[in-house]
Amino acid sequence: MSRKKVLLVGETWVTSATHFKGFDQFGSVTFHSGAKGMIAALADTEFELTHMPAHQAVEDFPFTLDGLGVYDAVLLSDIGANSLLLHPDVWLNGKTVANRLALLRDWTAQGGALGMFGGYLSFQGIDGKARWHRTPVEQALPVECLPYDDRVEIPEGFRPEIEPAHQGHAMFRHITGEWPVLLGINEVIVKPGSEVLARLPQAAGGYPLLVTGRYQQGRTLVWTSDISPHWLPQSFMDWPGYKQLLINMLSWMTQ
């Protein structure tokens, strides 16, 4: 049986630091990937994961429906809308290119599976800089983004709660025991007709955590917390349920 093809877009960043040591100082630049845990978790599953780092997505993300059509699911994680809107031909040369946000919406409408995971540059993001609010991608998602900084920071941690009506949902198949803590989410507004499968405890605000929906012929899903530190601690990644949850998410999206 051929493996289902999944495209994960984002989950990388570059850090520039200046080090001061008495009179002297020097700079350093480091590359980071938050996708390693997910890549490892899905390595021996039915899903063939292609990771497109954020800086590569600017130029390499598909510009046609046929280009997207090779994938069974596309996942956006910690990458802002500008990275897909401002191709170098637009930003540097003032030329026109296809609107890849509209392309993602239309691909989903025709039966694609679109997901977004949380982070500082997901949904509306830190200082509102992710800018997915009022975009074609938001039209396809099962939630609406806030028009401003949407982070809910919970440094003391919270344990996800499955909605009572969805305890037996396929999304939670083979996941047992107490869930590890998470440290934050992006706040969103659930669209009518979407299903909230898991949320934060009422003491932590009761915000949606895992939401599914449909956009015309396609399936959509959001996980409003991260898939790696810092909002998702290493203890969550080490938990057997982390791998199973990812498998269940992708199985539901691509069924």
Foldseek 3Di string as FASTA:
>chain_A
DAAAEEEEEEQKDKDKDWDDDPPDIDIDIDIDGQCVLVCVLCVPDSYDYDYQHLQRCLAPVDQALVSVVSHQEYEYEQHALCSQQCRCCCPPPVDDGHRVLLSVLVSQQVAHEYEYEADQLTQLHDQRGSVPAPTSNLVFAQWHGDNGHFKQFAQVWFWKDFDPVCPPPLLCPPPDDTADTFGIFGATGGDPQKDQGIFTPVVSPRGGAWIWHGNNNFIYIYGGAHLGPDRQDVVNSVDPSSSSNVVSVVVVRRD
